[in-house]
Amino acid sequence: MAVRRVVPNIRSEAVRESKEFYGLLGFEEVMNHGWIMTLASPSSPAAQISVMTSDKTAPVTPVMSIEVDDVDAAYAVMRASGAEIVHPLQDEEWGVRRFFVRDPGGRVVNVLGHR
């Protein structure tokens, strides 16, 4: 299993204003589902920030997303370790397979892979 990218998730009701603010730093919108918008650097596309009002299909909003090349393997490792799975492994309608896990500091992390 390899990590492809790590994206901080910023919870905000001021999505439009956040887009404008981070745009001043050179970020551009690359995805927008209404409840989550991802901004990326055109010169380094893996440098990203997601701004979300709340998570559409999960009970909690994660603080970061970690994209891996094998989300099923990541899920198996986390379950075997005894880590708390906060949101079960599932396919989402927008093309990702993901689960949420709580880290030792109590933060919820979204672990995902694109289908």
PDB file of N, CA and C in Angstrom:
ATOM      1  N   MET A   1       0.848  -1.175   0.000  1.00  0.00           N
ATOM      2  CA  MET A   1       0.000   0.000   0.000  1.00  0.00           C
ATOM      3  C   MET A   1       0.895   1.239   0.000  1.00  0.00           C
ATOM      4  N   ALA A   2       0.559   2.194  -0.852  1.00  0.00           N
ATOM      5  CA  ALA A   2       1.334   3.430  -0.950  1.00  0.00           C
ATOM      6  C   ALA A   2       0.406   4.637  -0.834  1.00  0.00           C
ATOM      7  N   VAL A   3       0.898   5.688  -0.206  1.00  0.00           N
ATOM      8  CA  VAL A   3       0.151   6.942  -0.094  1.00  0.00           C
ATOM      9  C   VAL A   3       0.344   7.735  -1.382  1.00  0.00           C
ATOM     10  N   ARG A   4      -0.755   8.200  -1.947  1.00  0.00           N
ATOM     11  CA  ARG A   4      -0.704   9.012  -3.165  1.00  0.00           C
ATOM     12  C   ARG A   4      -0.718  10.503  -2.855  1.00  0.00           C
ATOM     13  N   ARG A   5      -1.505  10.909  -1.866  1.00  0.00           N
ATOM     14  CA  ARG A   5      -1.557  12.322  -1.472  1.00  0.00           C
ATOM     15  C   ARG A   5      -2.256  12.452  -0.133  1.00  0.00           C
ATOM     16  N   VAL A   6      -2.006  13.550   0.524  1.00  0.00           N
ATOM     17  CA  VAL A   6      -2.660  13.885   1.787  1.00  0.00           C
ATOM     18  C   VAL A   6      -3.252  15.278   1.604  1.00  0.00           C
ATOM     19  N   VAL A   7      -4.535  15.419   1.936  1.00  0.00           N
ATOM     20  CA  VAL A   7      -5.239  16.676   1.731  1.00  0.00           C
ATOM     21  C   VAL A   7      -5.887  17.119   3.041  1.00  0.00           C
ATOM     22  N   PRO A   8      -5.545  18.319   3.546  1.00  0.00           N
ATOM     23  CA  PRO A   8      -6.252  18.815   4.728  1.00  0.00           C
ATOM     24  C   PRO A   8      -7.691  19.164   4.358  1.00  0.00           C
ATOM     25  N   ASN A   9      -8.618  18.847   5.256  1.00  0.00           N
ATOM     26  CA  ASN A   9     -10.028  19.197   5.081  1.00  0.00           C
ATOM     27  C   ASN A   9     -10.349  20.328   6.037  1.00  0.00           C
ATOM     28  N   ILE A  10     -10.710  21.466   5.483  1.00  0.00           N
ATOM     29  CA  ILE A  10     -11.030  22.640   6.279  1.00  0.00           C
ATOM     30  C   ILE A  10     -12.543  22.761   6.346  1.00  0.00           C
ATOM     31  N   ARG A  11     -13.084  22.685   7.533  1.00  0.00           N
ATOM     32  CA  ARG A  11     -14.540  22.826   7.691  1.00  0.00           C
ATOM     33  C   ARG A  11     -14.879  24.310   7.719  1.00  0.00           C
ATOM     34  N   SER A  12     -15.813  24.704   6.848  1.00  0.00           N
ATOM     35  CA  SER A  12     -16.165  26.121   6.745  1.00  0.00           C
ATOM     36  C   SER A  12     -17.524  26.270   6.092  1.00  0.00           C
ATOM     37  N   GLU A  13     -18.296  27.222   6.561  1.00  0.00           N
ATOM     38  CA  GLU A  13     -19.545  27.596   5.902  1.00  0.00           C
ATOM     39  C   GLU A  13     -19.279  28.688   4.862  1.00  0.00           C
ATOM     40  N   ALA A  14     -18.071  29.227   4.847  1.00  0.00           N
ATOM     41  CA  ALA A  14     -17.695  30.305   3.926  1.00  0.00           C
ATOM     42  C   ALA A  14     -16.900  29.727   2.753  1.00  0.00           C
ATOM     43  N   VAL A  15     -17.526  28.828   1.999  1.00  0.00           N
ATOM     44  CA  VAL A  15     -16.827  28.131   0.918  1.00  0.00           C
ATOM     45  C   VAL A  15     -16.389  29.099  -0.173  1.00  0.00           C
ATOM     46  N   ARG A  16     -17.295  29.967  -0.623  1.00  0.00           N
ATOM     47  CA  ARG A  16     -16.948  30.926  -1.687  1.00  0.00           C
ATOM     48  C   ARG A  16     -15.812  31.840  -1.239  1.00  0.00           C
ATOM     49  N   GLU A  17     -15.892  32.331  -0.024  1.00  0.00           N
ATOM     50  CA  GLU A  17     -14.851  33.209   0.493  1.00  0.00           C
ATOM     51  C   GLU A  17     -13.517  32.478   0.639  1.00  0.00           C
ATOM     52  N   SER A  18     -13.584  31.197   1.017  1.00  0.00           N
ATOM     53  CA  SER A  18     -12.359  30.399   1.128  1.00  0.00           C
ATOM     54  C   SER A  18     -11.721  30.208  -0.245  1.00  0.00           C
ATOM     55  N   LYS A  19     -12.560  29.983  -1.264  1.00  0.00           N
ATOM     56  CA  LYS A  19     -12.039  29.844  -2.630  1.00  0.00           C
ATOM     57  C   LYS A  19     -11.308  31.107  -3.048  1.00  0.00           C
ATOM     58  N   GLU A  20     -11.899  32.251  -2.761  1.00  0.00           N
ATOM     59  CA  GLU A  20     -11.263  33.526  -3.098  1.00  0.00           C
ATOM     60  C   GLU A  20      -9.959  33.713  -2.317  1.00  0.00           C
ATOM     61  N   PHE A  21      -9.986  33.420  -1.021  1.00  0.00           N
ATOM     62  CA  PHE A  21      -8.804  33.585  -0.177  1.00  0.00           C
ATOM     63  C   PHE A  21      -7.648  32.714  -0.660  1.00  0.00           C
ATOM     64  N   TYR A  22      -7.889  31.404  -0.832  1.00  0.00           N
ATOM     65  CA  TYR A  22      -6.820  30.509  -1.264  1.00  0.00           C
ATOM     66  C   TYR A  22      -6.439  30.749  -2.719  1.00  0.00           C
ATOM     67  N   GLY A  23      -7.357  31.322  -3.496  1.00  0.00           N
ATOM     68  CA  GLY A  23      -7.030  31.724  -4.859  1.00  0.00           C
ATOM     69  C   GLY A  23      -5.954  32.792  -4.882  1.00  0.00           C
ATOM     70  N   LEU A  24      -5.938  33.653  -3.868  1.00  0.00           N
ATOM     71  CA  LEU A  24      -4.890  34.675  -3.766  1.00  0.00           C
ATOM     72  C   LEU A  24      -3.504  34.045  -3.612  1.00  0.00           C
ATOM     73  N   LEU A  25      -3.470  32.812  -3.094  1.00  0.00           N
ATOM     74  CA  LEU A  25      -2.204  32.088  -2.919  1.00  0.00           C
ATOM     75  C   LEU A  25      -1.885  31.190  -4.106  1.00  0.00           C
ATOM     76  N   GLY A  26      -2.739  31.221  -5.135  1.00  0.00           N
ATOM     77  CA  GLY A  26      -2.468  30.467  -6.352  1.00  0.00           C
ATOM     78  C   GLY A  26      -3.242  29.181  -6.517  1.00  0.00           C
ATOM     79  N   PHE A  27      -4.138  28.856  -5.581  1.00  0.00           N
ATOM     80  CA  PHE A  27      -4.948  27.642  -5.704  1.00  0.00           C
ATOM     81  C   PHE A  27      -6.102  27.867  -6.671  1.00  0.00           C
ATOM     82  N   GLU A  28      -6.473  26.806  -7.393  1.00  0.00           N
ATOM     83  CA  GLU A  28      -7.603  26.845  -8.316  1.00  0.00           C
ATOM     84  C   GLU A  28      -8.548  25.689  -8.018  1.00  0.00           C
ATOM     85  N   GLU A  29      -9.835  25.913  -8.239  1.00  0.00           N
ATOM     86  CA  GLU A  29     -10.842  24.874  -8.001  1.00  0.00           C
ATOM     87  C   GLU A  29     -10.658  23.726  -8.996  1.00  0.00           C
ATOM     88  N   VAL A  30     -10.594  22.498  -8.466  1.00  0.00           N
ATOM     89  CA  VAL A  30     -10.492  21.312  -9.324  1.00  0.00           C
ATOM     90  C   VAL A  30     -11.678  20.365  -9.130  1.00  0.00           C
ATOM     91  N   MET A  31     -12.455  20.572  -8.064  1.00  0.00           N
ATOM     92  CA  MET A  31     -13.633  19.744  -7.812  1.00  0.00           C
ATOM     93  C   MET A  31     -14.583  20.530  -6.929  1.00  0.00           C
ATOM     94  N   ASN A  32     -15.892  20.403  -7.213  1.00  0.00           N
ATOM     95  CA  ASN A  32     -16.873  21.058  -6.359  1.00  0.00           C
ATOM     96  C   ASN A  32     -18.170  20.251  -6.403  1.00  0.00           C
ATOM     97  N   HIS A  33     -18.519  19.657  -5.250  1.00  0.00           N
ATOM     98  CA  HIS A  33     -19.757  18.895  -5.138  1.00  0.00           C
ATOM     99  C   HIS A  33     -20.794  19.650  -4.309  1.00  0.00           C
ATOM    100  N   GLY A  34     -20.551  20.921  -4.066  1.00  0.00           N
ATOM    101  CA  GLY A  34     -21.465  21.714  -3.253  1.00  0.00           C
ATOM    102  C   GLY A  34     -21.111  21.673  -1.785  1.00  0.00           C
ATOM    103  N   TRP A  35     -21.019  20.488  -1.211  1.00  0.00           N
ATOM    104  CA  TRP A  35     -20.678  20.337   0.212  1.00  0.00           C
ATOM    105  C   TRP A  35     -19.176  20.214   0.423  1.00  0.00           C
ATOM    106  N   ILE A  36     -18.436  19.908  -0.642  1.00  0.00           N
ATOM    107  CA  ILE A  36     -16.975  19.846  -0.585  1.00  0.00           C
ATOM    108  C   ILE A  36     -16.409  20.423  -1.876  1.00  0.00           C
ATOM    109  N   MET A  37     -15.382  21.248  -1.721  1.00  0.00           N
ATOM    110  CA  MET A  37     -14.689  21.844  -2.857  1.00  0.00           C
ATOM    111  C   MET A  37     -13.198  21.601  -2.650  1.00  0.00           C
ATOM    112  N   THR A  38     -12.524  21.145  -3.692  1.00  0.00           N
ATOM    113  CA  THR A  38     -11.085  20.934  -3.604  1.00  0.00           C
ATOM    114  C   THR A  38     -10.369  21.945  -4.483  1.00  0.00           C
ATOM    115  N   LEU A  39      -9.344  22.541  -3.909  1.00  0.00           N
ATOM    116  CA  LEU A  39      -8.501  23.513  -4.597  1.00  0.00           C
ATOM    117  C   LEU A  39      -7.116  22.900  -4.739  1.00  0.00           C
ATOM    118  N   ALA A  40      -6.460  23.163  -5.862  1.00  0.00           N
ATOM    119  CA  ALA A  40      -5.130  22.603  -6.099  1.00  0.00           C
ATOM    120  C   ALA A  40      -4.224  23.659  -6.710  1.00  0.00           C
ATOM    121  N   SER A  41      -2.941  23.431  -6.551  1.00  0.00           N
ATOM    122  CA  SER A  41      -1.930  24.285  -7.177  1.00  0.00           C
ATOM    123  C   SER A  41      -1.749  23.841  -8.623  1.00  0.00           C
ATOM    124  N   PRO A  42      -1.881  24.744  -9.589  1.00  0.00           N
ATOM    125  CA  PRO A  42      -1.682  24.355 -10.986  1.00  0.00           C
ATOM    126  C   PRO A  42      -0.263  23.855 -11.267  1.00  0.00           C
ATOM    127  N   SER A  43       0.714  24.378 -10.550  1.00  0.00           N
ATOM    128  CA  SER A  43       2.106  23.974 -10.784  1.00  0.00           C
ATOM    129  C   SER A  43       2.481  22.686 -10.062  1.00  0.00           C
ATOM    130  N   SER A  44       1.700  22.312  -9.051  1.00  0.00           N
ATOM    131  CA  SER A  44       1.941  21.086  -8.286  1.00  0.00           C
ATOM    132  C   SER A  44       0.586  20.505  -7.897  1.00  0.00           C
ATOM    133  N   PRO A  45      -0.084  19.804  -8.826  1.00  0.00           N
ATOM    134  CA  PRO A  45      -1.472  19.385  -8.626  1.00  0.00           C
ATOM    135  C   PRO A  45      -1.750  18.550  -7.381  1.00  0.00           C
ATOM    136  N   ALA A  46      -0.760  17.878  -6.828  1.00  0.00           N
ATOM    137  CA  ALA A  46      -0.983  17.087  -5.619  1.00  0.00           C
ATOM    138  C   ALA A  46      -1.053  17.968  -4.369  1.00  0.00           C
ATOM    139  N   ALA A  47      -0.660  19.240  -4.478  1.00  0.00           N
ATOM    140  CA  ALA A  47      -0.785  20.189  -3.368  1.00  0.00           C
ATOM    141  C   ALA A  47      -2.220  20.688  -3.361  1.00  0.00           C
ATOM    142  N   GLN A  48      -3.013  20.199  -2.408  1.00  0.00           N
ATOM    143  CA  GLN A  48      -4.441  20.465  -2.409  1.00  0.00           C
ATOM    144  C   GLN A  48      -4.965  20.825  -1.025  1.00  0.00           C
ATOM    145  N   ILE A  49      -6.117  21.481  -1.030  1.00  0.00           N
ATOM    146  CA  ILE A  49      -6.888  21.804   0.170  1.00  0.00           C
ATOM    147  C   ILE A  49      -8.338  21.507  -0.170  1.00  0.00           C
ATOM    148  N   SER A  50      -9.058  20.857   0.728  1.00  0.00           N
ATOM    149  CA  SER A  50     -10.497  20.680   0.556  1.00  0.00           C
ATOM    150  C   SER A  50     -11.217  21.520   1.598  1.00  0.00           C
ATOM    151  N   VAL A  51     -12.250  22.226   1.160  1.00  0.00           N
ATOM    152  CA  VAL A  51     -13.093  23.032   2.044  1.00  0.00           C
ATOM    153  C   VAL A  51     -14.462  22.372   2.030  1.00  0.00           C
ATOM    154  N   MET A  52     -14.965  22.044   3.219  1.00  0.00           N
ATOM    155  CA  MET A  52     -16.258  21.361   3.277  1.00  0.00           C
ATOM    156  C   MET A  52     -17.152  21.956   4.350  1.00  0.00           C
ATOM    157  N   THR A  53     -18.448  21.976   4.053  1.00  0.00           N
ATOM    158  CA  THR A  53     -19.418  22.431   5.045  1.00  0.00           C
ATOM    159  C   THR A  53     -19.631  21.329   6.073  1.00  0.00           C
ATOM    160  N   SER A  54     -19.815  20.110   5.611  1.00  0.00           N
ATOM    161  CA  SER A  54     -19.884  18.907   6.435  1.00  0.00           C
ATOM    162  C   SER A  54     -19.846  17.742   5.461  1.00  0.00           C
ATOM    163  N   ASP A  55     -19.570  16.561   5.954  1.00  0.00           N
ATOM    164  CA  ASP A  55     -19.496  15.414   5.066  1.00  0.00           C
ATOM    165  C   ASP A  55     -20.906  14.949   4.707  1.00  0.00           C
ATOM    166  N   LYS A  56     -21.159  14.766   3.422  1.00  0.00           N
ATOM    167  CA  LYS A  56     -22.502  14.441   2.929  1.00  0.00           C
ATOM    168  C   LYS A  56     -23.008  13.073   3.391  1.00  0.00           C
ATOM    169  N   THR A  57     -22.135  12.072   3.485  1.00  0.00           N
ATOM    170  CA  THR A  57     -22.613  10.712   3.750  1.00  0.00           C
ATOM    171  C   THR A  57     -22.033  10.090   5.018  1.00  0.00           C
ATOM    172  N   ALA A  58     -21.409  10.888   5.853  1.00  0.00           N
ATOM    173  CA  ALA A  58     -20.804  10.333   7.064  1.00  0.00           C
ATOM    174  C   ALA A  58     -21.236  11.142   8.283  1.00  0.00           C
ATOM    175  N   PRO A  59     -21.166  10.537   9.457  1.00  0.00           N
ATOM    176  CA  PRO A  59     -21.640  11.212  10.668  1.00  0.00           C
ATOM    177  C   PRO A  59     -20.692  12.275  11.219  1.00  0.00           C
ATOM    178  N   VAL A  60     -19.495  12.349  10.702  1.00  0.00           N
ATOM    179  CA  VAL A  60     -18.491  13.285  11.213  1.00  0.00           C
ATOM    180  C   VAL A  60     -17.677  13.821  10.033  1.00  0.00           C
ATOM    181  N   THR A  61     -17.117  15.010  10.190  1.00  0.00           N
ATOM    182  CA  THR A  61     -16.283  15.607   9.147  1.00  0.00           C
ATOM    183  C   THR A  61     -14.820  15.321   9.476  1.00  0.00           C
ATOM    184  N   PRO A  62     -14.093  14.652   8.584  1.00  0.00           N
ATOM    185  CA  PRO A  62     -12.693  14.324   8.855  1.00  0.00           C
ATOM    186  C   PRO A  62     -11.784  15.549   8.750  1.00  0.00           C
ATOM    187  N   VAL A  63     -10.656  15.501   9.464  1.00  0.00           N
ATOM    188  CA  VAL A  63      -9.706  16.616   9.427  1.00  0.00           C
ATOM    189  C   VAL A  63      -8.753  16.532   8.242  1.00  0.00           C
ATOM    190  N   MET A  64      -8.608  15.337   7.680  1.00  0.00           N
ATOM    191  CA  MET A  64      -7.756  15.177   6.510  1.00  0.00           C
ATOM    192  C   MET A  64      -8.178  13.950   5.738  1.00  0.00           C
ATOM    193  N   SER A  65      -7.759  13.939   4.472  1.00  0.00           N
ATOM    194  CA  SER A  65      -7.993  12.784   3.608  1.00  0.00           C
ATOM    195  C   SER A  65      -6.647  12.246   3.161  1.00  0.00           C
ATOM    196  N   ILE A  66      -6.503  10.938   3.230  1.00  0.00           N
ATOM    197  CA  ILE A  66      -5.289  10.273   2.760  1.00  0.00           C
ATOM    198  C   ILE A  66      -5.693   9.336   1.636  1.00  0.00           C
ATOM    199  N   GLU A  67      -5.223   9.632   0.432  1.00  0.00           N
ATOM    200  CA  GLU A  67      -5.498   8.759  -0.705  1.00  0.00           C
ATOM    201  C   GLU A  67      -4.412   7.703  -0.786  1.00  0.00           C
ATOM    202  N   VAL A  68      -4.823   6.451  -0.843  1.00  0.00           N
ATOM    203  CA  VAL A  68      -3.894   5.325  -0.945  1.00  0.00           C
ATOM    204  C   VAL A  68      -4.178   4.557  -2.229  1.00  0.00           C
ATOM    205  N   ASP A  69      -3.219   3.749  -2.641  1.00  0.00           N
ATOM    206  CA  ASP A  69      -3.416   2.977  -3.872  1.00  0.00           C
ATOM    207  C   ASP A  69      -4.237   1.715  -3.651  1.00  0.00           C
ATOM    208  N   ASP A  70      -4.418   1.283  -2.393  1.00  0.00           N
ATOM    209  CA  ASP A  70      -5.214   0.088  -2.096  1.00  0.00           C
ATOM    210  C   ASP A  70      -5.987   0.324  -0.796  1.00  0.00           C
ATOM    211  N   VAL A  71      -7.175   0.892  -0.921  1.00  0.00           N
ATOM    212  CA  VAL A  71      -7.962   1.241   0.258  1.00  0.00           C
ATOM    213  C   VAL A  71      -8.437   0.000   1.015  1.00  0.00           C
ATOM    214  N   ASP A  72      -8.660  -1.103   0.307  1.00  0.00           N
ATOM    215  CA  ASP A  72      -9.074  -2.333   0.998  1.00  0.00           C
ATOM    216  C   ASP A  72      -7.953  -2.851   1.900  1.00  0.00           C
ATOM    217  N   ALA A  73      -6.714  -2.771   1.431  1.00  0.00           N
ATOM    218  CA  ALA A  73      -5.565  -3.179   2.254  1.00  0.00           C
ATOM    219  C   ALA A  73      -5.418  -2.251   3.456  1.00  0.00           C
ATOM    220  N   ALA A  74      -5.606  -0.952   3.246  1.00  0.00           N
ATOM    221  CA  ALA A  74      -5.516   0.002   4.355  1.00  0.00           C
ATOM    222  C   ALA A  74      -6.588  -0.295   5.403  1.00  0.00           C
ATOM    223  N   TYR A  75      -7.785  -0.604   4.949  1.00  0.00           N
ATOM    224  CA  TYR A  75      -8.882  -0.933   5.858  1.00  0.00           C
ATOM    225  C   TYR A  75      -8.551  -2.185   6.672  1.00  0.00           C
ATOM    226  N   ALA A  76      -8.024  -3.200   6.002  1.00  0.00           N
ATOM    227  CA  ALA A  76      -7.663  -4.446   6.693  1.00  0.00           C
ATOM    228  C   ALA A  76      -6.589  -4.190   7.749  1.00  0.00           C
ATOM    229  N   VAL A  77      -5.612  -3.370   7.425  1.00  0.00           N
ATOM    230  CA  VAL A  77      -4.531  -3.042   8.377  1.00  0.00           C
ATOM    231  C   VAL A  77      -5.092  -2.300   9.584  1.00  0.00           C
ATOM    232  N   MET A  78      -5.959  -1.324   9.341  1.00  0.00           N
ATOM    233  CA  MET A  78      -6.525  -0.546  10.450  1.00  0.00           C
ATOM    234  C   MET A  78      -7.406  -1.423  11.345  1.00  0.00           C
ATOM    235  N   ARG A  79      -8.215  -2.275  10.751  1.00  0.00           N
ATOM    236  CA  ARG A  79      -9.059  -3.179  11.550  1.00  0.00           C
ATOM    237  C   ARG A  79      -8.198  -4.137  12.369  1.00  0.00           C
ATOM    238  N   ALA A  80      -7.169  -4.704  11.739  1.00  0.00           N
ATOM    239  CA  ALA A  80      -6.293  -5.648  12.445  1.00  0.00           C
ATOM    240  C   ALA A  80      -5.556  -4.975  13.598  1.00  0.00           C
ATOM    241  N   SER A  81      -5.286  -3.687  13.464  1.00  0.00           N
ATOM    242  CA  SER A  81      -4.560  -2.962  14.514  1.00  0.00           C
ATOM    243  C   SER A  81      -5.455  -2.626  15.701  1.00  0.00           C
ATOM    244  N   GLY A  82      -6.771  -2.734  15.516  1.00  0.00           N
ATOM    245  CA  GLY A  82      -7.706  -2.374  16.577  1.00  0.00           C
ATOM    246  C   GLY A  82      -8.112  -0.918  16.551  1.00  0.00           C
ATOM    247  N   ALA A  83      -7.706  -0.184  15.523  1.00  0.00           N
ATOM    248  CA  ALA A  83      -8.072   1.230  15.420  1.00  0.00           C
ATOM    249  C   ALA A  83      -9.594   1.359  15.309  1.00  0.00           C
ATOM    250  N   GLU A  84     -10.123   2.468  15.816  1.00  0.00           N
ATOM    251  CA  GLU A  84     -11.561   2.697  15.775  1.00  0.00           C
ATOM    252  C   GLU A  84     -11.991   3.121  14.371  1.00  0.00           C
ATOM    253  N   ILE A  85     -12.811   2.317  13.732  1.00  0.00           N
ATOM    254  CA  ILE A  85     -13.386   2.660  12.431  1.00  0.00           C
ATOM    255  C   ILE A  85     -14.629   3.499  12.725  1.00  0.00           C
ATOM    256  N   VAL A  86     -14.621   4.739  12.275  1.00  0.00           N
ATOM    257  CA  VAL A  86     -15.702   5.681  12.565  1.00  0.00           C
ATOM    258  C   VAL A  86     -16.787   5.629  11.501  1.00  0.00           C
ATOM    259  N   HIS A  87     -16.399   5.304  10.282  1.00  0.00           N
ATOM    260  CA  HIS A  87     -17.330   5.216   9.143  1.00  0.00           C
ATOM    261  C   HIS A  87     -16.872   4.021   8.317  1.00  0.00           C
ATOM    262  N   PRO A  88     -17.760   3.081   8.024  1.00  0.00           N
ATOM    263  CA  PRO A  88     -17.342   1.827   7.384  1.00  0.00           C
ATOM    264  C   PRO A  88     -16.847   2.005   5.946  1.00  0.00           C
ATOM    265  N   LEU A  89     -16.088   1.039   5.505  1.00  0.00           N
ATOM    266  CA  LEU A  89     -15.595   1.004   4.124  1.00  0.00           C
ATOM    267  C   LEU A  89     -16.787   0.909   3.185  1.00  0.00           C
ATOM    268  N   GLN A  90     -16.863   1.838   2.243  1.00  0.00           N
ATOM    269  CA  GLN A  90     -17.966   1.822   1.283  1.00  0.00           C
ATOM    270  C   GLN A  90     -17.614   2.601   0.029  1.00  0.00           C
ATOM    271  N   ASP A  91     -18.331   2.294  -1.041  1.00  0.00           N
ATOM    272  CA  ASP A  91     -18.201   3.024  -2.302  1.00  0.00           C
ATOM    273  C   ASP A  91     -19.138   4.216  -2.257  1.00  0.00           C
ATOM    274  N   GLU A  92     -18.630   5.368  -2.643  1.00  0.00           N
ATOM    275  CA  GLU A  92     -19.433   6.588  -2.670  1.00  0.00           C
ATOM    276  C   GLU A  92     -19.832   6.905  -4.107  1.00  0.00           C
ATOM    277  N   GLU A  93     -20.949   7.591  -4.272  1.00  0.00           N
ATOM    278  CA  GLU A  93     -21.491   7.883  -5.596  1.00  0.00           C
ATOM    279  C   GLU A  93     -20.581   8.764  -6.448  1.00  0.00           C
ATOM    280  N   TRP A  94     -19.656   9.499  -5.838  1.00  0.00           N
ATOM    281  CA  TRP A  94     -18.777  10.394  -6.599  1.00  0.00           C
ATOM    282  C   TRP A  94     -17.449   9.745  -6.986  1.00  0.00           C
ATOM    283  N   GLY A  95     -17.377   8.414  -6.888  1.00  0.00           N
ATOM    284  CA  GLY A  95     -16.244   7.695  -7.458  1.00  0.00           C
ATOM    285  C   GLY A  95     -15.096   7.332  -6.541  1.00  0.00           C
ATOM    286  N   VAL A  96     -15.319   7.370  -5.236  1.00  0.00           N
ATOM    287  CA  VAL A  96     -14.271   6.945  -4.316  1.00  0.00           C
ATOM    288  C   VAL A  96     -14.768   5.788  -3.462  1.00  0.00           C
ATOM    289  N   ARG A  97     -13.846   5.010  -2.970  1.00  0.00           N
ATOM    290  CA  ARG A  97     -14.091   3.973  -1.966  1.00  0.00           C
ATOM    291  C   ARG A  97     -13.357   4.473  -0.741  1.00  0.00           C
ATOM    292  N   ARG A  98     -14.026   4.517   0.413  1.00  0.00           N
ATOM    293  CA  ARG A  98     -13.400   5.145   1.585  1.00  0.00           C
ATOM    294  C   ARG A  98     -13.926   4.604   2.894  1.00  0.00           C
ATOM    295  N   PHE A  99     -13.153   4.925   3.949  1.00  0.00           N
ATOM    296  CA  PHE A  99     -13.578   4.681   5.328  1.00  0.00           C
ATOM    297  C   PHE A  99     -12.949   5.759   6.186  1.00  0.00           C
ATOM    298  N   PHE A 100     -13.488   5.948   7.387  1.00  0.00           N
ATOM    299  CA  PHE A 100     -12.928   6.905   8.340  1.00  0.00           C
ATOM    300  C   PHE A 100     -12.379   6.119   9.521  1.00  0.00           C
ATOM    301  N   VAL A 101     -11.235   6.572  10.015  1.00  0.00           N
ATOM    302  CA  VAL A 101     -10.606   5.946  11.175  1.00  0.00           C
ATOM    303  C   VAL A 101     -10.151   7.054  12.125  1.00  0.00           C
ATOM    304  N   ARG A 102     -10.195   6.763  13.422  1.00  0.00           N
ATOM    305  CA  ARG A 102      -9.757   7.744  14.426  1.00  0.00           C
ATOM    306  C   ARG A 102      -8.288   7.504  14.742  1.00  0.00           C
ATOM    307  N   ASP A 103      -7.484   8.578  14.679  1.00  0.00           N
ATOM    308  CA  ASP A 103      -6.056   8.444  14.997  1.00  0.00           C
ATOM    309  C   ASP A 103      -5.854   8.487  16.508  1.00  0.00           C
ATOM    310  N   PRO A 104      -4.642   8.206  17.017  1.00  0.00           N
ATOM    311  CA  PRO A 104      -4.423   8.167  18.465  1.00  0.00           C
ATOM    312  C   PRO A 104      -4.722   9.479  19.184  1.00  0.00           C
ATOM    313  N   GLY A 105      -4.673  10.603  18.469  1.00  0.00           N
ATOM    314  CA  GLY A 105      -4.989  11.896  19.080  1.00  0.00           C
ATOM    315  C   GLY A 105      -6.464  12.243  19.041  1.00  0.00           C
ATOM    316  N   GLY A 106      -7.286  11.339  18.486  1.00  0.00           N
ATOM    317  CA  GLY A 106      -8.722  11.557  18.445  1.00  0.00           C
ATOM    318  C   GLY A 106      -9.237  12.178  17.154  1.00  0.00           C
ATOM    319  N   ARG A 107      -8.344  12.489  16.230  1.00  0.00           N
ATOM    320  CA  ARG A 107      -8.753  13.089  14.960  1.00  0.00           C
ATOM    321  C   ARG A 107      -9.300  12.024  14.016  1.00  0.00           C
ATOM    322  N   VAL A 108     -10.321  12.392  13.241  1.00  0.00           N
ATOM    323  CA  VAL A 108     -10.908  11.477  12.278  1.00  0.00           C
ATOM    324  C   VAL A 108     -10.259  11.706  10.915  1.00  0.00           C
ATOM    325  N   VAL A 109      -9.795  10.609  10.325  1.00  0.00           N
ATOM    326  CA  VAL A 109      -9.087  10.642   9.050  1.00  0.00           C
ATOM    327  C   VAL A 109      -9.894   9.873   8.011  1.00  0.00           C
ATOM    328  N   ASN A 110     -10.066  10.476   6.847  1.00  0.00           N
ATOM    329  CA  ASN A 110     -10.739   9.851   5.701  1.00  0.00           C
ATOM    330  C   ASN A 110      -9.667   9.134   4.880  1.00  0.00           C
ATOM    331  N   VAL A 111      -9.763   7.834   4.746  1.00  0.00           N
ATOM    332  CA  VAL A 111      -8.810   7.060   3.941  1.00  0.00           C
ATOM    333  C   VAL A 111      -9.564   6.612   2.695  1.00  0.00           C
ATOM    334  N   LEU A 112      -9.030   6.939   1.529  1.00  0.00           N
ATOM    335  CA  LEU A 112      -9.784   6.705   0.305  1.00  0.00           C
ATOM    336  C   LEU A 112      -8.915   6.239  -0.856  1.00  0.00           C
ATOM    337  N   GLY A 113      -9.592   5.702  -1.827  1.00  0.00           N
ATOM    338  CA  GLY A 113      -8.987   5.352  -3.110  1.00  0.00           C
ATOM    339  C   GLY A 113     -10.009   5.646  -4.181  1.00  0.00           C
ATOM    340  N   HIS A 114      -9.538   6.070  -5.341  1.00  0.00           N
ATOM    341  CA  HIS A 114     -10.446   6.320  -6.464  1.00  0.00           C
ATOM    342  C   HIS A 114     -10.758   5.025  -7.168  1.00  0.00           C
ATOM    343  N   ARG A 115     -12.011   4.855  -7.601  1.00  0.00           N
ATOM    344  CA  ARG A 115     -12.421   3.648  -8.315  1.00  0.00           C
ATOM    345  C   ARG A 115     -12.209   3.807  -9.796  1.00  0.00           C
TER     346      ARG A 115
END
